[in-house]
Amino acid sequence: MSDERRLAVLRAIVQDYVQTSEPVGSKALLDRHHLGVSAATVRNDMAVLEEEGLIAAPHTSAGRVPTDAGYRLFVDRLSSVKPMSSAERAAIARFLEGAVDLDDVVDRTVRLLATLTRQVAVVQYPSLTRSSVRHIELVPMGATRLMVVLIVNTGRVEQRVIETPRDLSTTDGEATLGLVRAKVNARAVGERLIDAAASLTSLADEFDPSERDLVRAVVGSLDDALVEEREERVVLAGTSNLARAGADFPLSIGPVLEALEQHVVLLKLLGTARENADAVSVRIGHENPYAGLQSTSVVSTEYGTGADLVAGLGVLGPTRMDYPTTMASVRAVATYVSRILAQ
């Protein structure tokens, strides 16, 4: 019973400190929360929590603030991530469903996360190494020019224009192109990009010798699109929100801003999201391996289509964070982005 009571005291301290940014004393706890115990009991419980390293006294203040360990216990003991209201979910859906392409989806997502959480939002572009082929289209652009269009499951589109060795405007040319289109999609659709590239290498062998140069030209352009190396990208929004929380950083927000400029660091932070579309990862304070971010917390998850998780998204802010609301926002936005990409 005493452990549960002390957890209730810790929960109250976390909630009050997040809301007020002021150290919390026993009198304030009794005034604001129905703990059902005496002031002496609350003081004793706070003393035990301090001995256990879950709360601490800043300077000579009579009040206490949560430590990284205290926030961690608070997050771990959340019975569930609080659900968003139907109005909030509808607003998220309306905002994201207005996107016209992948770039717009990512831009809207990062701005929405920053607005909902009042933290720095980070969204990773879908990784091509973890994407699969949705469809390949071959579009004639004249008698001997062809546009090869690769559409991946994340909504990303790659285009190549090639010169063809035969006339595609004739009846035979149109028929051959239709056959190439069908066989290319039969081999590639649903495959990871690198696997699709490997599967297409022998496709020309299935055609008559007179058609093989055309098939090789198409496969060559696809091979370029499928295996081309690209730098992983992340997009930020809401960096100015850090200024609002300047007092939460022991020295300055300088080290945090420097870390945010290193996209490799951000990619690694998002890469720690759990391999579960419904799970939300929370890294608090010194749990972050980067010195510049050890005064922050990172709440992240992954998004994707179906069972395929293709990228991460999340928010970064001071450890004095409304964790239940932030976790709910991150999970809800990831869910809606996944649904949009699956369409």
Protein backbone atom coordinates (compact mmCIF):
# COMPACT_ATOMS: atom_id res chain seq x y z
CA MET A 1 0.00 0.00 0.00
CA SER A 2 2.85 2.42 0.89
CA ASP A 3 4.48 1.83 -2.53
CA GLU A 4 1.24 2.67 -4.32
CA ARG A 5 0.78 5.74 -2.16
CA ARG A 6 4.32 6.93 -2.87
CA LEU A 7 3.71 6.35 -6.59
CA ALA A 8 0.62 8.55 -6.29
CA VAL A 9 2.72 11.23 -4.59
CA LEU A 10 5.34 10.99 -7.34
CA ARG A 11 2.63 11.19 -10.00
CA ALA A 12 1.23 14.32 -8.34
CA ILE A 13 4.68 15.92 -8.16
CA VAL A 14 5.32 15.22 -11.84
CA GLN A 15 1.94 16.60 -12.89
CA ASP A 16 2.30 19.76 -10.79
CA TYR A 17 5.87 20.42 -11.86
CA VAL A 18 5.06 19.95 -15.56
CA GLN A 19 2.15 22.35 -15.21
CA THR A 20 3.76 25.06 -13.07
CA SER A 21 7.54 24.62 -13.57
CA GLU A 22 7.84 25.37 -9.84
CA PRO A 23 9.28 22.96 -7.23
CA VAL A 24 6.44 21.16 -5.46
CA GLY A 25 6.07 21.10 -1.67
CA SER A 26 3.95 18.91 0.58
CA LYS A 27 1.42 21.67 1.28
CA ALA A 28 0.82 22.24 -2.43
CA LEU A 29 0.29 18.51 -2.93
CA LEU A 30 -2.33 18.39 -0.20
CA ASP A 31 -4.06 21.50 -1.53
CA ARG A 32 -4.23 20.31 -5.15
CA HIS A 33 -4.67 16.55 -4.82
CA HIS A 34 -6.95 14.29 -2.80
CA LEU A 35 -4.26 12.02 -1.40
CA GLY A 36 -6.27 11.01 1.65
CA VAL A 37 -3.31 11.15 4.04
CA SER A 38 -1.83 13.62 6.53
CA ALA A 39 0.81 16.24 5.80
CA ALA A 40 3.32 14.24 7.87
CA THR A 41 2.71 11.13 5.73
CA VAL A 42 3.23 13.11 2.53
CA ARG A 43 6.49 14.55 3.90
CA ASN A 44 7.67 11.06 4.84
CA ASP A 45 6.77 9.73 1.39
CA MET A 46 8.65 12.61 -0.25
CA ALA A 47 11.68 11.85 1.89
CA VAL A 48 11.63 8.21 0.73
CA LEU A 49 11.22 9.26 -2.91
CA GLU A 50 14.21 11.56 -2.51
CA GLU A 51 16.31 8.79 -0.97
CA GLU A 52 15.43 6.59 -3.94
CA GLY A 53 16.60 9.27 -6.35
CA LEU A 54 13.15 9.87 -7.84
CA ILE A 55 12.83 13.51 -6.75
CA ALA A 56 15.37 16.13 -5.76
CA ALA A 57 15.59 19.56 -4.15
CA PRO A 58 16.83 22.24 -6.55
CA HIS A 59 19.24 24.53 -4.71
CA THR A 60 17.77 25.45 -1.30
CA SER A 61 14.12 25.27 -2.34
CA ALA A 62 11.67 23.70 0.07
CA GLY A 63 9.94 22.00 -2.85
CA ARG A 64 11.01 19.01 -4.91
CA VAL A 65 11.24 18.29 -8.65
CA PRO A 66 11.29 14.94 -10.48
CA THR A 67 14.62 13.49 -11.56
CA ASP A 68 15.20 11.58 -14.79
CA ALA A 69 14.59 8.39 -12.81
CA GLY A 70 11.36 9.83 -11.43
CA TYR A 71 10.09 10.68 -14.92
CA ARG A 72 11.08 7.20 -16.09
CA LEU A 73 9.09 5.50 -13.33
CA PHE A 74 6.14 7.80 -14.04
CA VAL A 75 6.19 6.90 -17.76
CA ASP A 76 6.71 3.18 -17.11
CA ARG A 77 3.78 3.07 -14.72
CA LEU A 78 1.31 4.78 -17.03
CA SER A 79 -1.53 2.28 -17.29
CA SER A 80 -2.11 3.32 -20.90
CA VAL A 81 -1.49 6.17 -23.29
CA LYS A 82 -4.41 8.52 -22.83
CA PRO A 83 -6.68 8.55 -25.90
CA MET A 84 -7.21 11.69 -27.92
CA SER A 85 -10.71 13.07 -28.20
CA SER A 86 -12.79 12.41 -31.31
CA ALA A 87 -12.53 16.11 -32.21
CA GLU A 88 -8.72 15.99 -31.97
CA ARG A 89 -8.56 12.84 -34.12
CA ALA A 90 -10.86 14.38 -36.72
CA ALA A 91 -8.72 17.53 -36.86
CA ILE A 92 -5.57 15.46 -37.42
CA ALA A 93 -7.25 13.46 -40.18
CA ARG A 94 -8.54 16.56 -41.98
CA PHE A 95 -5.17 18.30 -41.85
CA LEU A 96 -3.15 15.34 -43.14
CA GLU A 97 -5.61 14.10 -45.75
CA GLY A 98 -5.31 17.39 -47.64
CA ALA A 99 -1.73 16.53 -48.66
CA VAL A 100 -1.09 16.29 -52.39
CA ASP A 101 2.16 14.28 -52.44
CA LEU A 102 4.79 12.72 -50.17
CA ASP A 103 6.67 15.99 -49.61
CA ASP A 104 3.40 17.62 -48.56
CA VAL A 105 2.60 14.70 -46.22
CA VAL A 106 5.96 15.04 -44.47
CA ASP A 107 5.70 18.83 -44.26
CA ARG A 108 2.19 18.74 -42.83
CA THR A 109 3.14 15.96 -40.39
CA VAL A 110 6.10 17.77 -38.88
CA ARG A 111 4.19 21.06 -38.53
CA LEU A 112 1.20 19.26 -36.99
CA LEU A 113 3.36 17.43 -34.43
CA ALA A 114 5.08 20.67 -33.40
CA THR A 115 1.73 22.39 -32.97
CA LEU A 116 0.08 19.57 -31.02
CA THR A 117 2.96 19.01 -28.59
CA ARG A 118 4.61 22.46 -28.48
CA GLN A 119 7.93 20.66 -28.82
CA VAL A 120 10.48 20.23 -31.60
CA ALA A 121 9.03 17.78 -34.12
CA VAL A 122 11.22 15.46 -36.20
CA VAL A 123 9.98 13.40 -39.14
CA GLN A 124 12.11 11.05 -41.22
CA TYR A 125 11.37 10.62 -44.91
CA PRO A 126 10.41 7.03 -45.75
CA SER A 127 13.57 5.02 -46.26
CA LEU A 128 13.91 3.57 -49.75
CA THR A 129 15.92 0.68 -48.34
CA ARG A 130 12.84 -0.40 -46.39
CA SER A 131 10.24 0.40 -49.08
CA SER A 132 8.64 -1.89 -51.62
CA VAL A 133 7.34 -1.52 -55.16
CA ARG A 134 3.67 -0.57 -55.51
CA HIS A 135 3.52 -0.21 -59.31
CA ILE A 136 5.67 0.41 -62.37
CA GLU A 137 4.23 2.33 -65.31
CA LEU A 138 5.67 2.69 -68.81
CA VAL A 139 4.44 5.81 -70.60
CA PRO A 140 5.30 6.39 -74.32
CA MET A 141 6.45 9.94 -75.03
CA GLY A 142 6.82 9.59 -78.77
CA ALA A 143 7.92 6.89 -81.16
CA THR A 144 11.25 6.13 -79.44
CA ARG A 145 11.05 7.85 -76.03
CA LEU A 146 9.62 6.19 -72.94
CA MET A 147 9.02 7.41 -69.39
CA VAL A 148 9.59 4.73 -66.76
CA VAL A 149 7.70 5.54 -63.55
CA LEU A 150 8.41 3.72 -60.28
CA ILE A 151 5.83 4.13 -57.49
CA VAL A 152 6.78 2.77 -54.06
CA ASN A 153 4.48 1.88 -51.20
CA THR A 154 5.30 5.08 -49.32
CA GLY A 155 3.95 7.25 -52.12
CA ARG A 156 7.39 8.17 -53.37
CA VAL A 157 7.65 8.43 -57.17
CA GLU A 158 10.81 8.06 -59.28
CA GLN A 159 10.83 8.84 -63.01
CA ARG A 160 13.33 8.10 -65.78
CA VAL A 161 13.06 8.99 -69.49
CA ILE A 162 14.91 6.67 -71.87
CA GLU A 163 15.49 6.34 -75.60
CA THR A 164 14.14 3.05 -76.92
CA PRO A 165 15.72 0.94 -79.68
CA ARG A 166 12.41 0.39 -81.46
CA ASP A 167 9.32 2.28 -82.58
CA LEU A 168 6.64 2.13 -79.85
CA SER A 169 3.97 3.86 -81.92
CA THR A 170 3.26 0.83 -84.11
CA THR A 171 0.77 -1.90 -83.27
CA ASP A 172 3.61 -4.35 -82.60
CA GLY A 173 5.42 -1.76 -80.48
CA GLU A 174 2.34 -1.11 -78.35
CA ALA A 175 1.80 -4.85 -77.88
CA THR A 176 5.41 -5.40 -76.85
CA LEU A 177 5.28 -2.49 -74.43
CA GLY A 178 2.12 -3.91 -72.84
CA LEU A 179 3.83 -7.27 -72.37
CA VAL A 180 6.93 -5.67 -70.85
CA ARG A 181 4.75 -3.64 -68.49
CA ALA A 182 2.86 -6.75 -67.34
CA LYS A 183 5.97 -8.86 -66.77
CA VAL A 184 7.90 -6.09 -65.01
CA ASN A 185 5.04 -5.59 -62.54
CA ALA A 186 4.56 -9.34 -62.07
CA ARG A 187 8.17 -9.64 -60.91
CA ALA A 188 8.55 -6.42 -58.95
CA VAL A 189 5.26 -5.43 -57.26
CA GLY A 190 5.33 -6.13 -53.53
CA GLU A 191 9.08 -6.71 -53.47
CA ARG A 192 11.61 -4.67 -51.51
CA LEU A 193 13.41 -2.33 -53.89
CA ILE A 194 16.73 -4.14 -53.85
CA ASP A 195 14.99 -7.52 -54.26
CA ALA A 196 12.96 -6.18 -57.17
CA ALA A 197 16.15 -5.02 -58.89
CA ALA A 198 17.66 -8.49 -58.55
CA SER A 199 14.47 -10.15 -59.80
CA LEU A 200 14.43 -8.07 -62.99
CA THR A 201 17.99 -8.82 -64.08
CA SER A 202 17.00 -11.92 -66.10
CA LEU A 203 13.71 -10.59 -67.46
CA ALA A 204 15.06 -10.00 -70.98
CA ASP A 205 15.61 -13.75 -71.39
CA GLU A 206 11.82 -14.24 -71.47
CA PHE A 207 11.46 -12.17 -74.67
CA ASP A 208 12.27 -12.70 -78.33
CA PRO A 209 15.75 -11.52 -79.36
CA SER A 210 14.24 -8.59 -81.28
CA GLU A 211 12.58 -7.29 -78.09
CA ARG A 212 15.42 -7.78 -75.63
CA ASP A 213 17.14 -4.44 -76.17
CA LEU A 214 13.91 -2.65 -75.22
CA VAL A 215 13.52 -4.82 -72.10
CA ARG A 216 17.14 -4.22 -71.10
CA ALA A 217 16.69 -0.46 -71.50
CA VAL A 218 13.61 -0.51 -69.24
CA VAL A 219 15.26 -2.76 -66.66
CA GLY A 220 18.40 -0.62 -66.71
CA SER A 221 16.45 2.53 -65.90
CA LEU A 222 14.58 0.74 -63.13
CA ASP A 223 17.81 -0.65 -61.73
CA ASP A 224 19.12 2.91 -61.48
CA ALA A 225 15.97 4.02 -59.64
CA LEU A 226 15.77 0.95 -57.40
CA VAL A 227 19.31 0.79 -56.07
CA GLU A 228 20.45 4.41 -56.30
CA GLU A 229 21.84 5.45 -52.91
CA ARG A 230 20.17 8.44 -51.32
CA GLU A 231 20.95 10.32 -48.17
CA GLU A 232 18.39 9.68 -45.46
CA ARG A 233 16.46 12.85 -44.74
CA VAL A 234 14.78 14.31 -41.68
CA VAL A 235 12.64 17.42 -41.41
CA LEU A 236 12.32 19.62 -38.30
CA ALA A 237 9.66 22.05 -37.12
CA GLY A 238 9.03 23.92 -33.89
CA THR A 239 12.64 24.62 -32.93
CA SER A 240 11.47 27.99 -31.61
CA ASN A 241 9.47 26.09 -28.97
CA LEU A 242 12.77 25.50 -27.16
CA ALA A 243 12.98 29.22 -26.35
CA ARG A 244 9.71 28.92 -24.44
CA ALA A 245 11.34 26.28 -22.23
CA GLY A 246 14.71 27.97 -21.86
CA ALA A 247 14.59 27.79 -18.06
CA ASP A 248 14.38 23.99 -18.25
CA PHE A 249 17.94 23.68 -19.53
CA PRO A 250 20.64 23.83 -16.83
CA LEU A 251 23.11 25.98 -18.75
CA SER A 252 21.69 26.94 -22.14
CA ILE A 253 19.85 25.53 -25.10
CA GLY A 254 23.01 25.89 -27.19
CA PRO A 255 24.07 22.20 -27.01
CA VAL A 256 20.52 21.12 -27.89
CA LEU A 257 20.43 23.38 -30.94
CA GLU A 258 23.84 22.11 -32.05
CA ALA A 259 22.64 18.50 -31.80
CA LEU A 260 19.49 19.31 -33.77
CA GLU A 261 21.68 20.52 -36.64
CA GLN A 262 23.25 17.05 -36.93
CA HIS A 263 20.74 15.01 -38.89
CA VAL A 264 22.76 11.83 -38.34
CA VAL A 265 22.08 12.20 -34.61
CA LEU A 266 18.36 12.68 -35.23
CA LEU A 267 18.21 9.65 -37.53
CA LYS A 268 19.83 7.51 -34.85
CA LEU A 269 17.39 8.79 -32.23
CA LEU A 270 14.42 7.93 -34.44
CA GLY A 271 16.01 4.59 -35.21
CA THR A 272 15.56 3.60 -31.55
CA ALA A 273 11.78 3.56 -31.97
CA ARG A 274 10.44 0.10 -31.24
CA GLU A 275 9.68 -2.27 -34.07
CA ASN A 276 6.00 -2.08 -33.32
CA ALA A 277 3.59 0.30 -35.01
CA ASP A 278 1.60 0.78 -31.77
CA ALA A 279 4.56 1.28 -29.44
CA VAL A 280 5.94 4.65 -28.42
CA SER A 281 9.56 4.91 -27.31
CA VAL A 282 10.47 7.44 -24.60
CA ARG A 283 14.10 8.31 -23.88
CA ILE A 284 14.53 10.59 -20.88
CA GLY A 285 17.49 12.80 -20.03
CA HIS A 286 20.66 10.77 -19.61
CA GLU A 287 19.10 7.83 -21.45
CA ASN A 288 19.98 9.81 -24.59
CA PRO A 289 23.53 8.86 -25.59
CA TYR A 290 24.35 12.30 -27.02
CA ALA A 291 25.73 14.78 -24.50
CA GLY A 292 23.97 17.73 -26.08
CA LEU A 293 20.58 16.09 -25.63
CA GLN A 294 20.89 14.82 -22.06
CA SER A 295 18.69 17.62 -20.78
CA THR A 296 15.91 16.55 -23.16
CA SER A 297 13.43 13.76 -23.68
CA VAL A 298 12.66 12.14 -27.04
CA VAL A 299 9.26 10.56 -27.70
CA SER A 300 9.19 8.63 -30.96
CA THR A 301 7.58 5.84 -32.92
CA GLU A 302 7.60 4.46 -36.45
CA TYR A 303 5.12 4.66 -39.28
CA GLY A 304 4.54 2.69 -42.43
CA THR A 305 2.05 0.77 -44.52
CA GLY A 306 0.54 -2.44 -43.24
CA ALA A 307 3.14 -4.40 -41.32
CA ASP A 308 6.03 -2.50 -42.96
CA LEU A 309 7.57 0.24 -40.83
CA VAL A 310 9.52 2.54 -43.13
CA ALA A 311 10.56 5.57 -41.07
CA GLY A 312 10.39 7.28 -37.68
CA LEU A 313 8.78 10.40 -36.30
CA GLY A 314 8.70 12.00 -32.90
CA VAL A 315 9.29 15.06 -30.77
CA LEU A 316 12.11 16.39 -28.62
CA GLY A 317 11.76 18.74 -25.69
CA PRO A 318 12.80 19.33 -22.07
CA THR A 319 12.39 16.50 -19.58
CA ARG A 320 9.66 18.60 -17.97
CA MET A 321 7.19 17.33 -20.53
CA ASP A 322 3.54 16.33 -20.52
CA TYR A 323 4.37 12.71 -21.35
CA PRO A 324 0.86 11.22 -21.58
CA THR A 325 -0.37 13.91 -24.01
CA THR A 326 2.86 13.89 -26.02
CA MET A 327 2.86 10.10 -26.36
CA ALA A 328 -0.77 10.14 -27.46
CA SER A 329 -0.09 12.83 -30.08
CA VAL A 330 2.95 11.04 -31.50
CA ARG A 331 1.11 7.73 -31.76
CA ALA A 332 -2.02 9.28 -33.29
CA VAL A 333 -0.12 11.22 -35.94
CA ALA A 334 1.93 8.14 -36.87
CA THR A 335 -1.29 6.14 -37.27
CA TYR A 336 -2.84 8.68 -39.62
CA VAL A 337 0.33 9.08 -41.69
CA SER A 338 0.48 5.30 -42.09
CA ARG A 339 -3.13 5.24 -43.29
CA ILE A 340 -2.47 7.98 -45.84
CA LEU A 341 0.56 6.18 -47.27
CA ALA A 342 -1.45 2.97 -47.57
CA GLN A 343 -4.06 4.60 -49.83
